[in-house]
Amino acid sequence: MRTVGVVLVALVLQTMAARFLVGGSAVVDLVLVVVVYLALTKGPVTSMLAGSAAGLVQDALSSGVIGIGGFTKLLVGFLVGSIGQQFIMTAALPRFAIFLVATLLHAAVFMGLYMLIGFRTFSSPFTAALSQAVGNVVVGMIAFTIIEALPGAIERRKLSRRRK
């Protein structure tokens, strides 16, 4: 249930932040960040389900082809979840690399499918992909740090209140 809530919050924030576009593309894809987080923490199945559902909702809210966003997030969730199960991804450098590669893969598949069907062209795909990758890496790394530090901070606060 918490997974559904996190995905819904990301969808709402992404939809609300849609007006802050740079060159026609979002600087940060919060839904993709959540999918990568779920892939690293919950595994490929959870991230595939969350990614496909959230991607389909994003597709329905946009003016694009329904299914391309869901497929790309499903694919990224599966690949990152599979890699996350095989390798230890608790250090900052592997997470940095995963967020970077996942965002670039998502952009390549997403833009590639749109160009393949001839529905849309992209004026500067490399710039858009790199800027989104940087944004996703920054947000993802900060989110991981906060989420990992939060339980310890809450526990320390409870202990300090008991001592008083």
Protein backbone atom coordinates (compact mmCIF):
# COMPACT_ATOMS: atom_id res chain seq x y z
CA MET A 1 0.00 0.00 0.00
CA ARG A 2 2.90 2.33 0.74
CA THR A 3 4.25 1.70 -2.78
CA VAL A 4 0.98 2.84 -4.34
CA GLY A 5 1.03 5.96 -2.18
CA VAL A 6 4.59 6.83 -3.16
CA VAL A 7 3.80 6.38 -6.85
CA LEU A 8 0.66 8.51 -6.54
CA VAL A 9 2.56 11.28 -4.76
CA ALA A 10 5.21 11.21 -7.49
CA LEU A 11 2.50 11.38 -10.18
CA VAL A 12 0.79 14.32 -8.49
CA LEU A 13 4.06 16.20 -7.97
CA GLN A 14 5.18 15.48 -11.54
CA THR A 15 1.84 16.68 -12.91
CA MET A 16 1.94 19.81 -10.78
CA ALA A 17 5.54 20.51 -11.82
CA ALA A 18 4.78 20.01 -15.52
CA ARG A 19 4.62 23.75 -16.05
CA PHE A 20 8.34 24.03 -15.23
CA LEU A 21 9.62 22.73 -18.54
CA VAL A 22 13.02 23.38 -20.03
CA GLY A 23 13.12 23.09 -23.78
CA GLY A 24 9.96 21.01 -23.90
CA SER A 25 11.16 18.33 -21.51
CA ALA A 26 10.91 17.98 -17.77
CA VAL A 27 14.10 18.59 -15.82
CA VAL A 28 13.27 15.77 -13.38
CA ASP A 29 11.08 12.72 -13.92
CA LEU A 30 9.92 12.03 -10.37
CA VAL A 31 8.02 8.93 -11.44
CA LEU A 32 11.17 7.44 -12.96
CA VAL A 33 13.08 8.26 -9.77
CA VAL A 34 10.42 6.37 -7.77
CA VAL A 35 10.57 3.42 -10.18
CA VAL A 36 14.36 3.21 -9.84
CA TYR A 37 14.08 3.51 -6.05
CA LEU A 38 11.49 0.73 -5.95
CA ALA A 39 13.62 -1.40 -8.25
CA LEU A 40 16.61 -1.09 -5.94
CA THR A 41 14.68 -1.62 -2.71
CA LYS A 42 11.75 -3.91 -3.61
CA GLY A 43 12.97 -5.75 -6.72
CA PRO A 44 11.99 -6.03 -10.37
CA VAL A 45 8.39 -7.23 -10.00
CA THR A 46 7.23 -4.34 -7.81
CA SER A 47 9.04 -1.77 -9.92
CA MET A 48 7.67 -3.25 -13.15
CA LEU A 49 4.09 -3.05 -11.88
CA ALA A 50 4.56 0.44 -10.45
CA GLY A 51 6.42 1.64 -13.55
CA SER A 52 3.89 0.34 -16.03
CA ALA A 53 0.92 1.70 -14.08
CA ALA A 54 2.51 5.09 -13.45
CA GLY A 55 3.75 5.30 -17.04
CA LEU A 56 0.27 4.56 -18.37
CA VAL A 57 -1.19 7.28 -16.16
CA GLN A 58 1.47 9.72 -17.39
CA ASP A 59 0.66 8.72 -20.98
CA ALA A 60 -3.05 9.28 -20.37
CA LEU A 61 -2.37 12.74 -18.92
CA SER A 62 -0.10 13.73 -21.81
CA SER A 63 -0.89 14.14 -25.47
CA GLY A 64 1.34 11.26 -26.58
CA VAL A 65 0.82 7.64 -27.47
CA ILE A 66 -0.63 5.65 -24.58
CA GLY A 67 1.68 2.81 -23.65
CA ILE A 68 5.11 4.12 -24.57
CA GLY A 69 5.76 5.68 -21.16
CA GLY A 70 4.38 2.62 -19.39
CA PHE A 71 6.57 0.30 -21.45
CA THR A 72 9.73 2.32 -20.94
CA LYS A 73 9.24 2.56 -17.18
CA LEU A 74 8.41 -1.16 -17.05
CA LEU A 75 11.62 -1.94 -18.94
CA VAL A 76 13.75 0.32 -16.74
CA GLY A 77 12.16 -1.09 -13.58
CA PHE A 78 12.86 -4.66 -14.67
CA LEU A 79 16.47 -4.02 -15.69
CA VAL A 80 17.36 -1.95 -12.62
CA GLY A 81 15.58 -4.41 -10.31
CA SER A 82 17.42 -7.33 -11.85
CA ILE A 83 20.77 -5.57 -11.53
CA GLY A 84 19.91 -4.50 -7.99
CA GLN A 85 19.30 -8.10 -6.98
CA GLN A 86 22.61 -9.27 -8.41
CA PHE A 87 24.88 -6.51 -7.13
CA ILE A 88 25.18 -4.56 -3.90
CA MET A 89 23.77 -1.09 -4.48
CA THR A 90 24.14 0.48 -1.05
CA ALA A 91 27.03 2.84 -1.78
CA ALA A 92 26.62 6.24 -3.38
CA LEU A 93 28.65 5.56 -6.53
CA PRO A 94 26.63 2.54 -7.75
CA ARG A 95 23.37 4.37 -7.06
CA PHE A 96 24.66 7.40 -8.93
CA ALA A 97 25.53 5.19 -11.90
CA ILE A 98 22.18 3.39 -11.79
CA PHE A 99 20.15 6.62 -11.74
CA LEU A 100 22.25 8.02 -14.58
CA VAL A 101 22.10 4.92 -16.79
CA ALA A 102 18.42 4.29 -16.02
CA THR A 103 17.48 7.82 -17.04
CA LEU A 104 19.53 7.67 -20.23
CA LEU A 105 18.03 4.25 -21.08
CA HIS A 106 14.54 5.57 -20.43
CA ALA A 107 15.16 8.60 -22.64
CA ALA A 108 16.69 6.50 -25.43
CA VAL A 109 13.82 3.99 -25.49
CA PHE A 110 11.13 6.66 -25.06
CA MET A 111 12.46 8.97 -27.77
CA GLY A 112 13.45 6.05 -29.98
CA LEU A 113 9.96 4.57 -29.96
CA TYR A 114 8.38 7.93 -30.74
CA MET A 115 10.80 8.50 -33.63
CA LEU A 116 10.32 4.92 -34.85
CA ILE A 117 6.58 5.31 -35.23
CA GLY A 118 7.05 8.80 -36.67
CA PHE A 119 4.75 10.42 -34.15
CA ARG A 120 7.18 12.98 -32.79
CA THR A 121 10.63 14.39 -33.39
CA PHE A 122 12.93 15.84 -30.76
CA SER A 123 14.93 18.99 -31.45
CA SER A 124 17.81 18.29 -29.05
CA PRO A 125 17.41 14.77 -27.65
CA PHE A 126 20.91 14.54 -26.16
CA THR A 127 20.60 17.79 -24.25
CA ALA A 128 17.17 16.85 -22.93
CA ALA A 129 18.33 13.37 -21.89
CA LEU A 130 21.46 14.65 -20.17
CA SER A 131 19.66 17.44 -18.32
CA GLN A 132 17.00 15.02 -17.14
CA ALA A 133 19.69 12.51 -16.13
CA VAL A 134 21.45 15.13 -14.02
CA GLY A 135 18.17 16.17 -12.40
CA ASN A 136 17.14 12.58 -11.69
CA VAL A 137 20.55 11.74 -10.23
CA VAL A 138 20.45 14.74 -7.88
CA VAL A 139 16.87 14.09 -6.73
CA GLY A 140 17.40 10.33 -6.48
CA MET A 141 20.59 10.60 -4.44
CA ILE A 142 19.05 13.15 -2.07
CA ALA A 143 15.90 11.02 -1.70
CA PHE A 144 17.92 7.90 -0.92
CA THR A 145 19.95 9.79 1.70
CA ILE A 146 16.86 11.20 3.39
CA ILE A 147 14.93 7.92 3.32
CA GLU A 148 17.85 6.02 4.81
CA ALA A 149 18.55 8.62 7.50
CA LEU A 150 14.92 9.14 8.55
CA PRO A 151 14.38 5.96 10.64
CA GLY A 152 17.60 6.57 12.60
CA ALA A 153 16.70 10.21 13.21
CA ILE A 154 13.22 9.27 14.46
CA GLU A 155 14.68 6.64 16.78
CA ARG A 156 17.26 9.07 18.17
CA ARG A 157 14.52 11.62 18.80
CA LYS A 158 12.41 9.06 20.68
CA LEU A 159 15.40 8.07 22.80
CA SER A 160 16.24 11.68 23.62
CA ARG A 161 12.64 12.34 24.72
CA ARG A 162 12.68 9.30 27.00
CA ARG A 163 15.84 10.51 28.74
CA LYS A 164 14.32 13.87 29.66
